[in-house]
Amino acid sequence: MEEKSVHSLEGKVALVTGAGQGVGQGIALALAAAGASVLVTGRTMEKLEQTVAMIT
């Protein structure tokens, strides 16, 4: 049996608003790094696409 990290978010889904830049982007990246599936929203599609590219 494999132990999961206390900070693992595997199997969780997060919705991050303002994920195109700044704090929102940082939170989206951190949640993805911790294993969460991340949904991003914001005002500028180009910036959101950049965030998604950084996650994938």
Protein backbone atom coordinates (compact mmCIF):
# COMPACT_ATOMS: atom_id res chain seq x y z
CA MET A 1 0.00 0.00 0.00
CA GLU A 2 1.42 3.34 -1.06
CA GLU A 3 1.35 6.19 1.44
CA LYS A 4 0.16 9.58 0.23
CA SER A 5 1.72 12.81 1.35
CA VAL A 6 -0.22 14.72 3.97
CA HIS A 7 -0.39 17.57 1.45
CA SER A 8 -1.53 15.43 -1.50
CA LEU A 9 -4.64 16.66 -3.28
CA GLU A 10 -4.96 13.66 -5.61
CA GLY A 11 -8.57 13.02 -6.51
CA LYS A 12 -9.60 16.57 -5.56
CA VAL A 13 -10.87 19.27 -7.92
CA ALA A 14 -10.09 22.97 -7.41
CA LEU A 15 -11.68 25.99 -9.09
CA VAL A 16 -9.36 29.00 -9.15
CA THR A 17 -10.65 32.43 -10.14
CA GLY A 18 -8.22 35.03 -11.41
CA ALA A 19 -5.84 32.28 -12.50
CA GLY A 20 -4.40 34.24 -15.41
CA GLN A 21 -1.84 36.10 -13.32
CA GLY A 22 -0.59 36.99 -9.86
CA VAL A 23 -1.85 35.23 -6.77
CA GLY A 24 -4.53 33.28 -8.64
CA GLN A 25 -1.97 31.88 -11.05
CA GLY A 26 0.34 30.94 -8.19
CA ILE A 27 -2.46 29.15 -6.38
CA ALA A 28 -3.46 27.25 -9.54
CA LEU A 29 0.12 26.11 -10.07
CA ALA A 30 0.55 25.07 -6.42
CA LEU A 31 -2.71 23.11 -6.38
CA ALA A 32 -1.78 21.32 -9.60
CA ALA A 33 1.67 20.49 -8.21
CA ALA A 34 -0.04 18.99 -5.15
CA GLY A 35 -2.04 16.67 -7.40
CA ALA A 36 -5.39 18.44 -7.77
CA SER A 37 -7.30 18.73 -11.02
CA VAL A 38 -7.53 22.49 -11.52
CA LEU A 39 -10.23 24.49 -13.30
CA VAL A 40 -9.15 28.05 -14.10
CA THR A 41 -11.25 31.15 -14.73
CA GLY A 42 -10.37 34.76 -15.39
CA ARG A 43 -10.93 37.70 -17.71
CA THR A 44 -8.20 37.20 -20.32
CA MET A 45 -8.20 33.97 -22.32
CA GLU A 46 -4.57 34.37 -23.44
CA LYS A 47 -3.33 34.60 -19.85
CA LEU A 48 -5.45 31.62 -18.82
CA GLU A 49 -4.00 29.61 -21.70
CA GLN A 50 -0.50 30.48 -20.45
CA THR A 51 -1.40 29.23 -16.97
CA VAL A 52 -2.80 26.00 -18.41
CA ALA A 53 0.38 25.52 -20.45
CA MET A 54 2.44 25.92 -17.27
CA ILE A 55 0.34 23.24 -15.55
CA THR A 56 0.41 20.68 -18.37
